């Protein structure tokens, strides 16, 4: 069974937008070859569900569903083979349905009030989104002081230049990012370029100072 540690094991979770399910296998291959066998496929396009199915059937990449905002989307994602659910906000119905189906869920938070709601519901690993628009690593560090039991997965505005600002914090086991999987390259099926960007992302986070917050 997938757990949070499996999702964060590679320290970066690629956030993928697939406009055509025919590109799903090539993208998955590029991520695996580049050293990041994990993907959050966003439910922003009609191709998302079938893309998850194609990627999950490979067996060599951990696939989750992102931008999940309803219980029905949770059902669709899990039916397609998603191993985890990510939501941009704190939705009780998304959390409850994910739990009912036995899949890990990462709800989005950005305020202390939302974090308190998560804690009261027994959740301690949360997506911090949109990270860049709400103060970045400095805000995550500030929030970790009153909430030392919480770990955050910052997403939104994370890139090659600031990724280690986040990962140097002991409360951040991983980040979500799309800079290695830009939609224009995926749409153009330039998977060699995606593989190169993925490998560069992996190199960037290898051996960074960890826990020095």
N, C-alpha and C. Protein backbone atom coordinates (compact mmCIF):
# COMPACT_ATOMS: atom_id res chain seq x y z
N UNK A 1 0.84 -1.20 0.00
CA UNK A 1 0.00 0.00 0.00
C UNK A 1 0.88 1.25 0.00
N UNK A 2 0.50 2.24 -0.77
CA UNK A 2 1.24 3.49 -0.84
C UNK A 2 1.09 4.26 0.47
N UNK A 3 2.20 4.85 0.93
CA UNK A 3 2.14 5.71 2.10
C UNK A 3 2.85 7.02 1.76
N UNK A 4 2.79 7.95 2.70
CA UNK A 4 3.38 9.27 2.45
C UNK A 4 4.88 9.17 2.16
N UNK A 5 5.56 8.28 2.86
CA UNK A 5 7.00 8.13 2.65
C UNK A 5 7.32 7.72 1.21
N UNK A 6 6.48 6.89 0.63
CA UNK A 6 6.69 6.48 -0.76
C UNK A 6 6.52 7.66 -1.72
N UNK A 7 5.55 8.52 -1.43
CA UNK A 7 5.28 9.66 -2.29
C UNK A 7 6.43 10.66 -2.25
N UNK A 8 7.01 10.84 -1.08
CA UNK A 8 8.05 11.86 -0.90
C UNK A 8 9.46 11.32 -1.04
N UNK A 9 9.61 10.05 -1.35
CA UNK A 9 10.92 9.41 -1.32
C UNK A 9 11.95 10.07 -2.21
N UNK A 10 11.51 10.62 -3.34
CA UNK A 10 12.46 11.22 -4.29
C UNK A 10 12.58 12.73 -4.13
N UNK A 11 11.89 13.29 -3.12
CA UNK A 11 12.01 14.68 -2.72
C UNK A 11 11.38 15.68 -3.69
N UNK A 12 11.04 15.24 -4.88
CA UNK A 12 10.30 16.06 -5.84
C UNK A 12 9.16 15.23 -6.39
N UNK A 13 7.97 15.80 -6.42
CA UNK A 13 6.82 15.15 -7.05
C UNK A 13 6.47 15.97 -8.30
N UNK A 14 6.77 15.46 -9.48
CA UNK A 14 6.42 16.19 -10.70
C UNK A 14 4.90 16.37 -10.82
N UNK A 15 4.48 17.59 -11.08
CA UNK A 15 3.06 17.91 -11.23
C UNK A 15 2.79 18.05 -12.72
N UNK A 16 2.01 17.11 -13.24
CA UNK A 16 1.89 16.92 -14.68
C UNK A 16 0.51 17.33 -15.19
N UNK A 17 0.50 18.09 -16.29
CA UNK A 17 -0.74 18.37 -17.02
C UNK A 17 -0.66 17.65 -18.36
N UNK A 18 -1.57 16.71 -18.57
CA UNK A 18 -1.61 15.97 -19.82
C UNK A 18 -2.88 16.33 -20.58
N UNK A 19 -2.70 16.91 -21.75
CA UNK A 19 -3.82 17.28 -22.60
C UNK A 19 -4.24 16.17 -23.54
N UNK A 20 -3.37 15.16 -23.68
CA UNK A 20 -3.63 14.04 -24.57
C UNK A 20 -3.09 12.78 -23.92
N UNK A 21 -3.97 11.82 -23.66
CA UNK A 21 -3.54 10.58 -22.99
C UNK A 21 -2.52 9.81 -23.82
N UNK A 22 -2.45 10.08 -25.11
CA UNK A 22 -1.46 9.40 -25.95
C UNK A 22 -0.04 9.77 -25.55
N UNK A 23 0.11 10.85 -24.79
CA UNK A 23 1.44 11.27 -24.34
C UNK A 23 1.82 10.70 -22.98
N UNK A 24 0.90 10.00 -22.34
CA UNK A 24 1.13 9.57 -20.96
C UNK A 24 2.28 8.58 -20.83
N UNK A 25 2.35 7.61 -21.73
CA UNK A 25 3.39 6.59 -21.61
C UNK A 25 4.77 7.19 -21.86
N UNK A 26 4.88 8.03 -22.87
CA UNK A 26 6.16 8.66 -23.17
C UNK A 26 6.64 9.55 -22.04
N UNK A 27 5.70 10.27 -21.43
CA UNK A 27 6.05 11.11 -20.29
C UNK A 27 6.52 10.27 -19.13
N UNK A 28 5.78 9.20 -18.83
CA UNK A 28 6.17 8.32 -17.73
C UNK A 28 7.57 7.76 -17.95
N UNK A 29 7.84 7.34 -19.18
CA UNK A 29 9.17 6.80 -19.49
C UNK A 29 10.26 7.85 -19.26
N UNK A 30 9.98 9.10 -19.64
CA UNK A 30 10.97 10.17 -19.46
C UNK A 30 11.23 10.42 -17.98
N UNK A 31 10.18 10.41 -17.17
CA UNK A 31 10.35 10.62 -15.74
C UNK A 31 11.15 9.48 -15.11
N UNK A 32 10.81 8.27 -15.46
CA UNK A 32 11.53 7.11 -14.91
C UNK A 32 13.00 7.15 -15.32
N UNK A 33 13.25 7.39 -16.59
CA UNK A 33 14.63 7.44 -17.09
C UNK A 33 15.41 8.59 -16.48
N UNK A 34 14.71 9.68 -16.16
CA UNK A 34 15.37 10.83 -15.55
C UNK A 34 15.59 10.70 -14.06
N UNK A 35 15.01 9.67 -13.45
CA UNK A 35 15.26 9.42 -12.04
C UNK A 35 14.16 9.86 -11.09
N UNK A 36 12.98 10.18 -11.63
CA UNK A 36 11.85 10.56 -10.79
C UNK A 36 10.63 9.70 -11.13
N UNK A 37 10.57 8.48 -10.60
CA UNK A 37 9.47 7.58 -10.92
C UNK A 37 8.22 7.85 -10.09
N UNK A 38 7.74 9.09 -10.15
CA UNK A 38 6.54 9.49 -9.41
C UNK A 38 5.92 10.65 -10.17
N UNK A 39 4.59 10.74 -10.16
CA UNK A 39 3.92 11.83 -10.86
C UNK A 39 2.57 12.11 -10.24
N UNK A 40 2.24 13.39 -10.17
CA UNK A 40 0.90 13.84 -9.79
C UNK A 40 0.24 14.36 -11.06
N UNK A 41 -0.70 13.60 -11.59
CA UNK A 41 -1.39 13.97 -12.82
C UNK A 41 -2.62 14.80 -12.44
N UNK A 42 -2.64 16.04 -12.87
CA UNK A 42 -3.71 16.94 -12.45
C UNK A 42 -5.01 16.64 -13.18
N UNK A 43 -6.11 16.76 -12.45
CA UNK A 43 -7.44 16.53 -13.01
C UNK A 43 -7.97 17.81 -13.64
N UNK A 44 -7.11 18.50 -14.39
CA UNK A 44 -7.52 19.74 -15.04
C UNK A 44 -7.96 19.53 -16.47
N UNK A 45 -7.72 18.34 -17.02
CA UNK A 45 -8.04 18.10 -18.42
C UNK A 45 -8.87 16.82 -18.55
N UNK A 46 -9.61 16.69 -19.64
CA UNK A 46 -10.39 15.47 -19.87
C UNK A 46 -9.52 14.23 -20.03
N UNK A 47 -8.24 14.43 -20.33
CA UNK A 47 -7.34 13.29 -20.55
C UNK A 47 -6.77 12.72 -19.25
N UNK A 48 -7.03 13.36 -18.12
CA UNK A 48 -6.36 12.99 -16.87
C UNK A 48 -6.64 11.56 -16.45
N UNK A 49 -7.89 11.17 -16.45
CA UNK A 49 -8.23 9.84 -15.94
C UNK A 49 -7.58 8.74 -16.77
N UNK A 50 -7.69 8.84 -18.07
CA UNK A 50 -7.09 7.81 -18.93
C UNK A 50 -5.57 7.85 -18.84
N UNK A 51 -5.00 9.04 -18.68
CA UNK A 51 -3.55 9.17 -18.55
C UNK A 51 -3.06 8.45 -17.30
N UNK A 52 -3.79 8.61 -16.20
CA UNK A 52 -3.43 7.92 -14.96
C UNK A 52 -3.47 6.41 -15.17
N UNK A 53 -4.50 5.95 -15.86
CA UNK A 53 -4.64 4.51 -16.12
C UNK A 53 -3.44 3.98 -16.90
N UNK A 54 -3.06 4.69 -17.94
CA UNK A 54 -1.93 4.27 -18.77
C UNK A 54 -0.65 4.23 -17.96
N UNK A 55 -0.41 5.27 -17.17
CA UNK A 55 0.83 5.35 -16.40
C UNK A 55 0.85 4.32 -15.29
N UNK A 56 -0.28 4.12 -14.63
CA UNK A 56 -0.33 3.17 -13.53
C UNK A 56 -0.10 1.74 -14.00
N UNK A 57 -0.54 1.44 -15.21
CA UNK A 57 -0.39 0.08 -15.74
C UNK A 57 1.07 -0.28 -16.02
N UNK A 58 1.94 0.72 -16.13
CA UNK A 58 3.36 0.44 -16.38
C UNK A 58 3.99 -0.33 -15.23
N UNK A 59 3.64 0.04 -14.01
CA UNK A 59 4.18 -0.65 -12.85
C UNK A 59 5.53 -0.14 -12.37
N UNK A 60 6.11 0.85 -13.07
CA UNK A 60 7.42 1.35 -12.66
C UNK A 60 7.38 2.81 -12.22
N UNK A 61 6.18 3.35 -12.03
CA UNK A 61 6.06 4.75 -11.61
C UNK A 61 4.87 4.86 -10.67
N UNK A 62 5.03 5.62 -9.61
CA UNK A 62 3.97 5.86 -8.64
C UNK A 62 3.13 7.03 -9.14
N UNK A 63 1.86 6.80 -9.38
CA UNK A 63 1.00 7.81 -10.01
C UNK A 63 -0.11 8.22 -9.05
N UNK A 64 -0.26 9.53 -8.89
CA UNK A 64 -1.35 10.07 -8.10
C UNK A 64 -2.16 11.05 -8.92
N UNK A 65 -3.26 11.49 -8.36
CA UNK A 65 -4.11 12.47 -9.02
C UNK A 65 -4.07 13.78 -8.27
N UNK A 66 -3.90 14.88 -9.00
CA UNK A 66 -3.86 16.20 -8.39
C UNK A 66 -5.03 17.06 -8.82
N UNK A 67 -5.15 18.22 -8.19
CA UNK A 67 -6.25 19.15 -8.44
C UNK A 67 -7.60 18.43 -8.29
N UNK A 68 -7.67 17.56 -7.30
CA UNK A 68 -8.90 16.81 -7.03
C UNK A 68 -9.75 17.63 -6.07
N UNK A 69 -10.97 17.96 -6.49
CA UNK A 69 -11.79 18.86 -5.68
C UNK A 69 -13.16 18.29 -5.32
N UNK A 70 -13.47 17.08 -5.80
CA UNK A 70 -14.75 16.47 -5.46
C UNK A 70 -14.55 14.99 -5.14
N UNK A 71 -15.52 14.42 -4.41
CA UNK A 71 -15.47 13.00 -4.10
C UNK A 71 -15.57 12.16 -5.37
N UNK A 72 -16.34 12.63 -6.33
CA UNK A 72 -16.46 11.89 -7.59
C UNK A 72 -15.12 11.80 -8.30
N UNK A 73 -14.34 12.87 -8.28
CA UNK A 73 -13.01 12.81 -8.89
C UNK A 73 -12.10 11.85 -8.15
N UNK A 74 -12.25 11.76 -6.84
CA UNK A 74 -11.49 10.76 -6.08
C UNK A 74 -11.81 9.37 -6.61
N UNK A 75 -13.11 9.08 -6.77
CA UNK A 75 -13.53 7.78 -7.28
C UNK A 75 -12.95 7.51 -8.66
N UNK A 76 -13.03 8.50 -9.53
CA UNK A 76 -12.52 8.34 -10.89
C UNK A 76 -11.01 8.09 -10.88
N UNK A 77 -10.31 8.84 -10.06
CA UNK A 77 -8.85 8.70 -10.01
C UNK A 77 -8.44 7.33 -9.49
N UNK A 78 -9.06 6.90 -8.42
CA UNK A 78 -8.71 5.60 -7.83
C UNK A 78 -9.10 4.47 -8.78
N UNK A 79 -10.24 4.59 -9.43
CA UNK A 79 -10.63 3.58 -10.43
C UNK A 79 -9.60 3.47 -11.55
N UNK A 80 -8.97 4.60 -11.87
CA UNK A 80 -7.97 4.61 -12.94
C UNK A 80 -6.62 4.07 -12.48
N UNK A 81 -6.44 3.94 -11.17
CA UNK A 81 -5.18 3.40 -10.66
C UNK A 81 -4.35 4.37 -9.86
N UNK A 82 -4.90 5.55 -9.54
CA UNK A 82 -4.14 6.52 -8.74
C UNK A 82 -3.85 5.95 -7.36
N UNK A 83 -2.61 6.14 -6.91
CA UNK A 83 -2.18 5.62 -5.62
C UNK A 83 -2.24 6.66 -4.51
N UNK A 84 -2.45 7.92 -4.89
CA UNK A 84 -2.60 8.98 -3.89
C UNK A 84 -3.39 10.12 -4.50
N UNK A 85 -3.95 10.95 -3.62
CA UNK A 85 -4.80 12.06 -4.03
C UNK A 85 -4.22 13.36 -3.48
N UNK A 86 -4.21 14.40 -4.32
CA UNK A 86 -3.74 15.71 -3.91
C UNK A 86 -4.83 16.73 -4.24
N UNK A 87 -5.15 17.58 -3.27
CA UNK A 87 -6.18 18.60 -3.48
C UNK A 87 -5.57 19.99 -3.29
N UNK A 88 -6.02 20.98 -4.06
CA UNK A 88 -5.47 22.33 -3.90
C UNK A 88 -5.93 23.03 -2.63
N UNK A 89 -6.98 22.52 -2.01
CA UNK A 89 -7.50 23.12 -0.78
C UNK A 89 -7.92 22.06 0.21
N UNK A 90 -8.56 22.52 1.29
CA UNK A 90 -8.95 21.59 2.34
C UNK A 90 -10.43 21.22 2.15
N UNK A 91 -10.66 20.11 1.48
CA UNK A 91 -12.01 19.64 1.20
C UNK A 91 -12.31 18.41 2.04
N UNK A 92 -13.28 18.51 2.91
CA UNK A 92 -13.61 17.38 3.76
C UNK A 92 -14.13 16.20 2.95
N UNK A 93 -14.90 16.47 1.90
CA UNK A 93 -15.43 15.36 1.12
C UNK A 93 -14.32 14.61 0.38
N UNK A 94 -13.31 15.34 -0.09
CA UNK A 94 -12.18 14.69 -0.75
C UNK A 94 -11.40 13.84 0.25
N UNK A 95 -11.18 14.39 1.43
CA UNK A 95 -10.46 13.66 2.47
C UNK A 95 -11.23 12.40 2.88
N UNK A 96 -12.51 12.54 3.13
CA UNK A 96 -13.32 11.41 3.59
C UNK A 96 -13.39 10.31 2.54
N UNK A 97 -13.55 10.69 1.27
CA UNK A 97 -13.65 9.67 0.23
C UNK A 97 -12.31 8.97 0.01
N UNK A 98 -11.22 9.73 0.09
CA UNK A 98 -9.90 9.12 -0.06
C UNK A 98 -9.65 8.11 1.06
N UNK A 99 -10.00 8.49 2.26
CA UNK A 99 -9.84 7.58 3.38
C UNK A 99 -10.71 6.34 3.22
N UNK A 100 -11.93 6.54 2.75
CA UNK A 100 -12.84 5.41 2.56
C UNK A 100 -12.29 4.41 1.54
N UNK A 101 -11.56 4.92 0.57
CA UNK A 101 -10.99 4.07 -0.47
C UNK A 101 -9.57 3.60 -0.13
N UNK A 102 -9.05 4.06 0.99
CA UNK A 102 -7.75 3.58 1.46
C UNK A 102 -6.55 4.16 0.74
N UNK A 103 -6.67 5.38 0.21
CA UNK A 103 -5.53 6.00 -0.46
C UNK A 103 -5.09 7.25 0.31
N UNK A 104 -3.79 7.50 0.38
CA UNK A 104 -3.31 8.71 1.05
C UNK A 104 -3.82 9.97 0.36
N UNK A 105 -4.07 11.00 1.14
CA UNK A 105 -4.54 12.25 0.58
C UNK A 105 -3.72 13.40 1.15
N UNK A 106 -3.36 14.33 0.29
CA UNK A 106 -2.59 15.51 0.67
C UNK A 106 -3.44 16.74 0.38
N UNK A 107 -4.13 17.27 1.38
CA UNK A 107 -4.95 18.46 1.17
C UNK A 107 -4.10 19.73 1.19
N UNK A 108 -4.56 20.72 0.46
CA UNK A 108 -3.84 21.99 0.42
C UNK A 108 -4.23 22.92 1.55
N UNK A 109 -3.22 23.58 2.12
CA UNK A 109 -3.44 24.58 3.16
C UNK A 109 -2.53 25.76 2.89
N UNK A 110 -2.90 26.91 3.49
CA UNK A 110 -2.02 28.07 3.38
C UNK A 110 -2.10 28.95 4.63
N UNK A 111 -3.04 28.66 5.53
CA UNK A 111 -3.20 29.47 6.74
C UNK A 111 -3.13 28.61 7.99
N UNK A 112 -2.90 29.27 9.11
CA UNK A 112 -2.87 28.57 10.39
C UNK A 112 -4.23 27.94 10.70
N UNK A 113 -5.30 28.61 10.33
CA UNK A 113 -6.63 28.07 10.58
C UNK A 113 -6.84 26.76 9.84
N UNK A 114 -6.40 26.71 8.59
CA UNK A 114 -6.53 25.48 7.81
C UNK A 114 -5.67 24.37 8.41
N UNK A 115 -4.50 24.72 8.88
CA UNK A 115 -3.64 23.71 9.51
C UNK A 115 -4.28 23.16 10.77
N UNK A 116 -4.90 24.04 11.56
CA UNK A 116 -5.61 23.58 12.75
C UNK A 116 -6.75 22.63 12.39
N UNK A 117 -7.46 22.92 11.32
CA UNK A 117 -8.52 22.02 10.86
C UNK A 117 -7.95 20.66 10.49
N UNK A 118 -6.81 20.67 9.81
CA UNK A 118 -6.18 19.42 9.42
C UNK A 118 -5.75 18.61 10.64
N UNK A 119 -5.15 19.28 11.60
CA UNK A 119 -4.71 18.59 12.81
C UNK A 119 -5.89 18.00 13.57
N UNK A 120 -6.99 18.72 13.62
CA UNK A 120 -8.16 18.20 14.33
C UNK A 120 -8.74 16.99 13.62
N UNK A 121 -8.41 16.84 12.35
CA UNK A 121 -8.86 15.69 11.57
C UNK A 121 -7.79 14.61 11.48
N UNK A 122 -6.73 14.78 12.26
CA UNK A 122 -5.69 13.75 12.33
C UNK A 122 -4.69 13.77 11.19
N UNK A 123 -4.60 14.88 10.47
CA UNK A 123 -3.69 14.95 9.33
C UNK A 123 -2.47 15.80 9.67
N UNK A 124 -1.28 15.29 9.34
CA UNK A 124 -0.05 16.00 9.69
C UNK A 124 0.88 16.22 8.49
N UNK A 125 0.56 15.66 7.33
CA UNK A 125 1.33 15.95 6.12
C UNK A 125 0.42 16.67 5.15
N UNK A 126 0.79 17.91 4.81
CA UNK A 126 -0.10 18.79 4.07
C UNK A 126 0.61 19.44 2.89
N UNK A 127 -0.14 19.69 1.84
CA UNK A 127 0.37 20.46 0.71
C UNK A 127 0.28 21.94 1.07
N UNK A 128 1.37 22.67 0.87
CA UNK A 128 1.34 24.13 1.07
C UNK A 128 1.25 24.76 -0.30
N UNK A 129 0.08 25.34 -0.61
CA UNK A 129 -0.19 25.82 -1.97
C UNK A 129 -1.08 27.05 -1.95
N UNK A 130 -0.77 28.04 -2.80
CA UNK A 130 0.39 28.15 -3.70
C UNK A 130 1.59 28.75 -2.97
N UNK A 131 2.62 28.00 -2.86
CA UNK A 131 3.75 28.35 -2.00
C UNK A 131 4.40 29.68 -2.39
N UNK A 132 4.68 29.85 -3.68
CA UNK A 132 5.37 31.06 -4.11
C UNK A 132 4.58 32.33 -3.86
N UNK A 133 3.27 32.25 -3.99
CA UNK A 133 2.42 33.42 -3.81
C UNK A 133 2.20 33.78 -2.34
N UNK A 134 2.54 32.87 -1.46
CA UNK A 134 2.32 33.10 -0.03
C UNK A 134 3.61 33.06 0.78
N UNK A 135 4.66 33.62 0.22
CA UNK A 135 5.87 33.83 1.00
C UNK A 135 6.93 32.77 0.90
N UNK A 136 6.66 31.71 0.16
CA UNK A 136 7.69 30.71 -0.09
C UNK A 136 8.23 30.03 1.16
N UNK A 137 9.51 29.72 1.11
CA UNK A 137 10.15 28.97 2.19
C UNK A 137 10.10 29.70 3.52
N UNK A 138 10.13 31.03 3.48
CA UNK A 138 10.08 31.79 4.74
C UNK A 138 8.76 31.57 5.47
N UNK A 139 7.68 31.51 4.72
CA UNK A 139 6.37 31.27 5.35
C UNK A 139 6.28 29.85 5.87
N UNK A 140 6.78 28.90 5.12
CA UNK A 140 6.77 27.51 5.58
C UNK A 140 7.55 27.39 6.89
N UNK A 141 8.71 28.02 6.92
CA UNK A 141 9.52 27.99 8.15
C UNK A 141 8.78 28.63 9.31
N UNK A 142 8.11 29.75 9.07
CA UNK A 142 7.36 30.43 10.13
C UNK A 142 6.22 29.56 10.64
N UNK A 143 5.51 28.89 9.74
CA UNK A 143 4.40 28.04 10.14
C UNK A 143 4.86 26.80 10.90
N UNK A 144 6.08 26.36 10.63
CA UNK A 144 6.57 25.15 11.30
C UNK A 144 6.84 25.39 12.78
N UNK A 145 7.01 26.65 13.18
CA UNK A 145 7.30 26.93 14.59
C UNK A 145 6.12 26.59 15.50
N UNK A 146 4.90 27.08 15.21
CA UNK A 146 3.77 26.71 16.06
C UNK A 146 3.20 25.32 15.76
N UNK A 147 3.62 24.74 14.62
CA UNK A 147 3.10 23.43 14.23
C UNK A 147 4.25 22.45 13.95
N UNK A 148 5.05 22.13 14.98
CA UNK A 148 6.22 21.28 14.75
C UNK A 148 5.88 19.85 14.33
N UNK A 149 4.63 19.45 14.54
CA UNK A 149 4.22 18.09 14.17
C UNK A 149 3.80 17.97 12.72
N UNK A 150 3.77 19.10 12.00
CA UNK A 150 3.30 19.11 10.62
C UNK A 150 4.48 19.09 9.65
N UNK A 151 4.33 18.30 8.60
CA UNK A 151 5.27 18.37 7.48
C UNK A 151 4.52 18.92 6.27
N UNK A 152 5.23 19.71 5.47
CA UNK A 152 4.63 20.41 4.35
C UNK A 152 5.26 19.96 3.03
N UNK A 153 4.43 19.89 2.00
CA UNK A 153 4.91 19.67 0.63
C UNK A 153 4.56 20.91 -0.17
N UNK A 154 5.47 21.88 -0.21
CA UNK A 154 5.21 23.13 -0.93
C UNK A 154 5.06 22.88 -2.43
N UNK A 155 4.09 23.53 -3.02
CA UNK A 155 3.82 23.40 -4.45
C UNK A 155 3.30 24.75 -4.96
N UNK A 156 3.69 25.08 -6.18
CA UNK A 156 3.27 26.35 -6.75
C UNK A 156 4.39 27.36 -6.67
N UNK A 157 5.06 27.59 -7.79
CA UNK A 157 6.18 28.52 -7.80
C UNK A 157 7.51 27.91 -7.42
N UNK A 158 7.54 26.61 -7.21
CA UNK A 158 8.80 25.93 -6.91
C UNK A 158 9.53 25.69 -8.22
N UNK A 159 10.82 25.98 -8.22
CA UNK A 159 11.60 25.80 -9.44
C UNK A 159 13.04 25.42 -9.09
N UNK A 160 13.86 25.30 -10.12
CA UNK A 160 15.24 24.84 -9.92
C UNK A 160 16.03 25.81 -9.05
N UNK A 161 15.69 27.10 -9.10
CA UNK A 161 16.44 28.10 -8.35
C UNK A 161 16.12 28.10 -6.86
N UNK A 162 14.90 27.72 -6.49
CA UNK A 162 14.52 27.81 -5.08
C UNK A 162 14.20 26.48 -4.42
N UNK A 163 14.31 25.37 -5.16
CA UNK A 163 13.89 24.08 -4.62
C UNK A 163 14.61 23.73 -3.32
N UNK A 164 15.90 24.04 -3.25
CA UNK A 164 16.64 23.68 -2.04
C UNK A 164 16.40 24.64 -0.88
N UNK A 165 15.83 25.82 -1.16
CA UNK A 165 15.39 26.68 -0.06
C UNK A 165 14.31 25.98 0.74
N UNK A 166 13.44 25.26 0.03
CA UNK A 166 12.39 24.49 0.69
C UNK A 166 12.94 23.22 1.32
N UNK A 167 13.71 22.47 0.54
CA UNK A 167 14.16 21.16 1.00
C UNK A 167 15.18 21.23 2.13
N UNK A 168 15.75 22.42 2.38
CA UNK A 168 16.67 22.57 3.50
C UNK A 168 15.93 22.65 4.83
N UNK A 169 14.60 22.80 4.77
CA UNK A 169 13.80 22.86 5.99
C UNK A 169 13.45 21.46 6.46
N UNK A 170 13.59 21.21 7.74
CA UNK A 170 13.32 19.87 8.26
C UNK A 170 11.86 19.49 8.18
N UNK A 171 10.98 20.47 8.02
CA UNK A 171 9.54 20.19 7.92
C UNK A 171 9.09 19.92 6.50
N UNK A 172 10.02 19.90 5.55
CA UNK A 172 9.68 19.70 4.14
C UNK A 172 10.35 18.43 3.62
N UNK A 173 9.60 17.33 3.54
CA UNK A 173 10.17 16.09 3.02
C UNK A 173 10.29 16.08 1.50
N UNK A 174 9.45 16.89 0.84
CA UNK A 174 9.44 16.92 -0.63
C UNK A 174 8.71 18.17 -1.09
N UNK A 175 8.88 18.49 -2.36
CA UNK A 175 8.15 19.59 -2.99
C UNK A 175 7.40 19.05 -4.20
N UNK A 176 6.40 19.79 -4.64
CA UNK A 176 5.76 19.50 -5.91
C UNK A 176 6.18 20.56 -6.91
N UNK A 177 6.43 20.16 -8.14
CA UNK A 177 6.87 21.13 -9.14
C UNK A 177 6.61 20.66 -10.55
N UNK A 178 6.51 21.62 -11.45
CA UNK A 178 6.23 21.28 -12.85
C UNK A 178 7.32 21.73 -13.80
N UNK A 179 8.41 22.29 -13.26
CA UNK A 179 9.41 22.87 -14.16
C UNK A 179 10.09 21.81 -15.02
N UNK A 180 10.12 20.56 -14.58
CA UNK A 180 10.74 19.50 -15.39
C UNK A 180 9.77 18.85 -16.37
N UNK A 181 8.48 19.22 -16.26
CA UNK A 181 7.47 18.65 -17.15
C UNK A 181 6.60 19.75 -17.78
N UNK A 182 7.21 20.75 -18.40
CA UNK A 182 6.41 21.84 -18.97
C UNK A 182 5.44 21.32 -20.02
N UNK A 183 4.22 21.85 -19.98
CA UNK A 183 3.16 21.33 -20.84
C UNK A 183 3.50 21.44 -22.32
N UNK A 184 4.24 22.49 -22.71
CA UNK A 184 4.54 22.63 -24.14
C UNK A 184 5.45 21.51 -24.64
N UNK A 185 6.39 21.09 -23.80
CA UNK A 185 7.26 19.97 -24.20
C UNK A 185 6.49 18.67 -24.24
N UNK A 186 5.60 18.48 -23.27
CA UNK A 186 4.80 17.26 -23.24
C UNK A 186 3.88 17.21 -24.46
N UNK A 187 3.22 18.32 -24.75
CA UNK A 187 2.32 18.36 -25.91
C UNK A 187 3.08 18.09 -27.21
N UNK A 188 4.31 18.55 -27.28
CA UNK A 188 5.13 18.37 -28.48
C UNK A 188 5.84 17.02 -28.50
N UNK A 189 5.65 16.24 -27.43
CA UNK A 189 6.27 14.91 -27.29
C UNK A 189 7.80 14.99 -27.34
N UNK A 190 8.30 16.03 -26.76
CA UNK A 190 9.76 16.20 -26.68
C UNK A 190 10.24 15.56 -25.36
N UNK A 191 10.10 14.25 -25.30
CA UNK A 191 10.35 13.54 -24.06
C UNK A 191 11.84 13.45 -23.71
N UNK A 192 12.71 13.55 -24.71
CA UNK A 192 14.14 13.61 -24.41
C UNK A 192 14.46 14.86 -23.59
N UNK A 193 13.81 15.97 -23.95
CA UNK A 193 14.01 17.20 -23.19
C UNK A 193 13.44 17.09 -21.78
N UNK A 194 12.29 16.44 -21.66
CA UNK A 194 11.71 16.22 -20.33
C UNK A 194 12.64 15.37 -19.48
N UNK A 195 13.21 14.34 -20.08
CA UNK A 195 14.15 13.48 -19.35
C UNK A 195 15.36 14.28 -18.88
N UNK A 196 15.87 15.16 -19.73
CA UNK A 196 17.02 15.98 -19.35
C UNK A 196 16.68 16.92 -18.20
N UNK A 197 15.52 17.56 -18.26
CA UNK A 197 15.09 18.45 -17.18
C UNK A 197 14.86 17.68 -15.89
N UNK A 198 14.33 16.48 -16.01
CA UNK A 198 14.10 15.65 -14.83
C UNK A 198 15.42 15.25 -14.18
N UNK A 199 16.36 14.83 -15.00
CA UNK A 199 17.67 14.44 -14.46
C UNK A 199 18.36 15.63 -13.79
N UNK A 200 18.21 16.81 -14.38
CA UNK A 200 18.80 18.01 -13.77
C UNK A 200 18.15 18.31 -12.43
N UNK A 201 16.84 18.11 -12.33
CA UNK A 201 16.15 18.32 -11.06
C UNK A 201 16.64 17.35 -10.01
N UNK A 202 16.83 16.11 -10.39
CA UNK A 202 17.34 15.10 -9.45
C UNK A 202 18.73 15.47 -8.97
N UNK A 203 19.58 15.89 -9.89
CA UNK A 203 20.94 16.30 -9.50
C UNK A 203 20.91 17.48 -8.55
N UNK A 204 19.97 18.37 -8.74
CA UNK A 204 19.91 19.59 -7.93
C UNK A 204 19.60 19.30 -6.48
N UNK A 205 18.88 18.22 -6.22
CA UNK A 205 18.50 17.93 -4.83
C UNK A 205 19.31 16.81 -4.22
N UNK A 206 20.26 16.28 -4.94
CA UNK A 206 21.11 15.24 -4.38
C UNK A 206 22.09 15.86 -3.40
N UNK A 207 22.04 15.39 -2.19
CA UNK A 207 23.00 15.81 -1.18
C UNK A 207 22.86 17.22 -0.66
N UNK A 208 21.67 17.86 -0.71
CA UNK A 208 21.55 19.20 -0.15
C UNK A 208 21.58 19.16 1.37
N UNK A 209 21.91 20.28 1.98
CA UNK A 209 21.83 20.36 3.43
C UNK A 209 20.37 20.20 3.84
N UNK A 210 20.11 19.29 4.76
CA UNK A 210 18.75 18.99 5.17
C UNK A 210 18.59 19.29 6.65
N UNK A 211 17.47 19.87 7.00
CA UNK A 211 17.17 20.07 8.40
C UNK A 211 17.81 21.29 9.02
N UNK A 212 18.38 22.17 8.22
CA UNK A 212 19.02 23.36 8.76
C UNK A 212 18.09 24.55 8.64
N UNK A 213 17.05 24.53 9.49
CA UNK A 213 16.07 25.60 9.43
C UNK A 213 16.16 26.48 10.65
